[in-house]
Amino acid sequence: MEAYGLATGADSTRLARQRQQKRLDDSQYAAKKKMVKRRQQRREARRKLLAELQEAEGGQAYGAGIG
């Protein structure tokens, strides 16, 4: 068995733990990446909305004639 590189006992436990940790790290990485992407989209949407509002206000500074 050892010739095929198959781990035994404590080795397999350690490897399993490492695999599990890698899966965890990968999913956390993916989640963070998704979060960053969403944040960026929100930022762009906000910027676009502000630009439209400023245009509608005749180029006044944001907040000058609103609310």
N, C-alpha and C. Protein backbone atom coordinates (compact mmCIF):
# COMPACT_ATOMS: atom_id res chain seq x y z
N MET A 1 0.82 -1.20 0.00
CA MET A 1 0.00 0.00 0.00
C MET A 1 0.87 1.27 0.00
N GLU A 2 1.90 1.23 0.83
CA GLU A 2 2.75 2.41 0.98
C GLU A 2 3.42 2.77 -0.36
N ALA A 3 3.65 1.78 -1.19
CA ALA A 3 4.30 2.02 -2.48
C ALA A 3 3.43 2.90 -3.38
N TYR A 4 2.14 2.83 -3.19
CA TYR A 4 1.23 3.64 -4.01
C TYR A 4 1.03 5.04 -3.43
N GLY A 5 1.72 5.33 -2.35
CA GLY A 5 1.62 6.64 -1.74
C GLY A 5 0.36 6.79 -0.90
N LEU A 6 -0.26 5.69 -0.54
CA LEU A 6 -1.45 5.78 0.29
C LEU A 6 -1.04 5.98 1.74
N ALA A 7 -1.64 6.92 2.37
CA ALA A 7 -1.28 7.24 3.75
C ALA A 7 -1.98 6.29 4.71
N THR A 8 -1.39 6.11 5.87
CA THR A 8 -1.99 5.22 6.87
C THR A 8 -2.12 5.95 8.21
N GLY A 9 -3.10 5.57 8.99
CA GLY A 9 -3.24 6.04 10.37
C GLY A 9 -3.26 7.54 10.51
N ALA A 10 -2.32 8.05 11.29
CA ALA A 10 -2.27 9.48 11.61
C ALA A 10 -2.08 10.32 10.35
N ASP A 11 -1.33 9.77 9.40
CA ASP A 11 -1.10 10.49 8.14
C ASP A 11 -2.42 10.80 7.44
N SER A 12 -3.29 9.77 7.34
CA SER A 12 -4.55 9.97 6.62
C SER A 12 -5.44 10.97 7.35
N THR A 13 -5.39 10.94 8.67
CA THR A 13 -6.17 11.90 9.46
C THR A 13 -5.68 13.32 9.18
N ARG A 14 -4.35 13.44 9.17
CA ARG A 14 -3.75 14.76 8.93
C ARG A 14 -4.11 15.26 7.53
N LEU A 15 -4.00 14.36 6.56
CA LEU A 15 -4.31 14.74 5.18
C LEU A 15 -5.78 15.10 5.02
N ALA A 16 -6.64 14.33 5.67
CA ALA A 16 -8.07 14.62 5.60
C ALA A 16 -8.35 16.00 6.19
N ARG A 17 -7.69 16.29 7.30
CA ARG A 17 -7.86 17.60 7.95
C ARG A 17 -7.38 18.72 7.03
N GLN A 18 -6.25 18.48 6.36
CA GLN A 18 -5.72 19.48 5.43
C GLN A 18 -6.68 19.71 4.27
N ARG A 19 -7.23 18.61 3.74
CA ARG A 19 -8.19 18.72 2.63
C ARG A 19 -9.41 19.52 3.06
N GLN A 20 -9.91 19.20 4.26
CA GLN A 20 -11.08 19.90 4.79
C GLN A 20 -10.78 21.39 4.95
N GLN A 21 -9.59 21.69 5.47
CA GLN A 21 -9.19 23.09 5.67
C GLN A 21 -9.10 23.81 4.34
N LYS A 22 -8.55 23.13 3.33
CA LYS A 22 -8.43 23.74 2.00
C LYS A 22 -9.82 24.04 1.43
N ARG A 23 -10.75 23.10 1.62
CA ARG A 23 -12.12 23.33 1.15
C ARG A 23 -12.72 24.55 1.83
N LEU A 24 -12.48 24.64 3.13
CA LEU A 24 -12.98 25.78 3.91
C LEU A 24 -12.38 27.08 3.39
N ASP A 25 -11.05 27.07 3.22
CA ASP A 25 -10.35 28.26 2.73
C ASP A 25 -10.89 28.67 1.37
N ASP A 26 -11.09 27.68 0.49
CA ASP A 26 -11.59 27.97 -0.86
C ASP A 26 -12.97 28.60 -0.80
N SER A 27 -13.85 28.06 0.05
CA SER A 27 -15.21 28.60 0.11
C SER A 27 -15.21 29.99 0.73
N GLN A 28 -14.34 30.20 1.73
CA GLN A 28 -14.25 31.54 2.33
C GLN A 28 -13.72 32.53 1.30
N TYR A 29 -12.74 32.08 0.52
CA TYR A 29 -12.17 32.94 -0.52
C TYR A 29 -13.24 33.31 -1.53
N ALA A 30 -14.03 32.32 -1.94
CA ALA A 30 -15.09 32.56 -2.92
C ALA A 30 -16.13 33.52 -2.35
N ALA A 31 -16.48 33.32 -1.08
CA ALA A 31 -17.47 34.19 -0.44
C ALA A 31 -16.97 35.63 -0.38
N LYS A 32 -15.70 35.78 -0.02
CA LYS A 32 -15.14 37.12 0.09
C LYS A 32 -15.09 37.79 -1.28
N LYS A 33 -14.70 37.00 -2.29
CA LYS A 33 -14.62 37.52 -3.65
C LYS A 33 -16.00 38.01 -4.11
N LYS A 34 -17.02 37.21 -3.80
CA LYS A 34 -18.40 37.54 -4.18
C LYS A 34 -18.83 38.83 -3.47
N MET A 35 -18.47 38.93 -2.18
CA MET A 35 -18.83 40.10 -1.38
C MET A 35 -18.19 41.36 -1.97
N VAL A 36 -16.91 41.25 -2.31
CA VAL A 36 -16.19 42.39 -2.88
C VAL A 36 -16.83 42.82 -4.19
N LYS A 37 -17.21 41.82 -5.00
CA LYS A 37 -17.84 42.11 -6.29
C LYS A 37 -19.16 42.84 -6.08
N ARG A 38 -19.97 42.36 -5.12
CA ARG A 38 -21.25 43.02 -4.83
C ARG A 38 -21.04 44.44 -4.35
N ARG A 39 -20.04 44.61 -3.48
CA ARG A 39 -19.75 45.95 -2.95
C ARG A 39 -19.39 46.90 -4.08
N GLN A 40 -18.58 46.39 -5.02
CA GLN A 40 -18.17 47.21 -6.16
C GLN A 40 -19.37 47.57 -7.03
N GLN A 41 -20.27 46.61 -7.24
CA GLN A 41 -21.46 46.88 -8.04
C GLN A 41 -22.33 47.94 -7.37
N ARG A 42 -22.48 47.83 -6.05
CA ARG A 42 -23.26 48.83 -5.32
C ARG A 42 -22.63 50.20 -5.45
N ARG A 43 -21.31 50.24 -5.35
CA ARG A 43 -20.59 51.51 -5.46
C ARG A 43 -20.83 52.15 -6.83
N GLU A 44 -20.72 51.32 -7.88
CA GLU A 44 -20.94 51.83 -9.24
C GLU A 44 -22.38 52.31 -9.42
N ALA A 45 -23.33 51.55 -8.89
CA ALA A 45 -24.74 51.93 -9.01
C ALA A 45 -24.98 53.26 -8.30
N ARG A 46 -24.39 53.41 -7.11
CA ARG A 46 -24.54 54.65 -6.34
C ARG A 46 -23.95 55.81 -7.11
N ARG A 47 -22.77 55.60 -7.71
CA ARG A 47 -22.10 56.66 -8.47
C ARG A 47 -22.96 57.09 -9.66
N LYS A 48 -23.53 56.10 -10.34
CA LYS A 48 -24.37 56.37 -11.51
C LYS A 48 -25.61 57.16 -11.08
N LEU A 49 -26.21 56.74 -9.97
CA LEU A 49 -27.41 57.40 -9.47
C LEU A 49 -27.10 58.85 -9.09
N LEU A 50 -25.97 59.04 -8.42
CA LEU A 50 -25.56 60.40 -8.03
C LEU A 50 -25.36 61.27 -9.26
N ALA A 51 -24.74 60.71 -10.28
CA ALA A 51 -24.50 61.48 -11.51
C ALA A 51 -25.83 61.89 -12.13
N GLU A 52 -26.79 60.96 -12.15
CA GLU A 52 -28.10 61.27 -12.71
C GLU A 52 -28.80 62.36 -11.88
N LEU A 53 -28.70 62.25 -10.56
CA LEU A 53 -29.32 63.25 -9.69
C LEU A 53 -28.70 64.63 -9.92
N GLN A 54 -27.39 64.66 -10.02
CA GLN A 54 -26.71 65.94 -10.25
C GLN A 54 -27.12 66.55 -11.58
N GLU A 55 -27.28 65.69 -12.59
CA GLU A 55 -27.72 66.15 -13.89
C GLU A 55 -29.12 66.76 -13.79
N ALA A 56 -29.99 66.05 -13.07
CA ALA A 56 -31.37 66.50 -12.90
C ALA A 56 -31.43 67.80 -12.12
N GLU A 57 -30.46 67.99 -11.25
CA GLU A 57 -30.43 69.22 -10.44
C GLU A 57 -29.72 70.36 -11.18
N GLY A 58 -29.35 70.11 -12.40
CA GLY A 58 -28.69 71.15 -13.18
C GLY A 58 -27.23 71.29 -12.81
N GLY A 59 -26.62 70.18 -12.41
CA GLY A 59 -25.20 70.20 -12.12
C GLY A 59 -24.84 70.74 -10.76
N GLN A 60 -25.83 70.97 -9.90
CA GLN A 60 -25.52 71.44 -8.55
C GLN A 60 -24.85 70.33 -7.76
N ALA A 61 -24.17 70.72 -6.70
CA ALA A 61 -23.53 69.73 -5.84
C ALA A 61 -24.60 68.85 -5.22
N TYR A 62 -24.26 67.61 -4.97
CA TYR A 62 -25.22 66.67 -4.41
C TYR A 62 -25.74 67.17 -3.06
N GLY A 63 -27.03 67.13 -2.89
CA GLY A 63 -27.62 67.52 -1.61
C GLY A 63 -28.05 68.97 -1.57
N ALA A 64 -27.63 69.74 -2.56
CA ALA A 64 -27.91 71.17 -2.54
C ALA A 64 -29.41 71.47 -2.62
N GLY A 65 -30.11 70.75 -3.51
CA GLY A 65 -31.53 71.07 -3.66
C GLY A 65 -32.42 69.87 -3.41
N ILE A 66 -31.92 68.91 -2.66
CA ILE A 66 -32.68 67.67 -2.47
C ILE A 66 -33.10 67.52 -1.01
N GLY A 67 -34.32 67.14 -0.83
CA GLY A 67 -34.83 66.77 0.49
C GLY A 67 -34.96 67.91 1.43
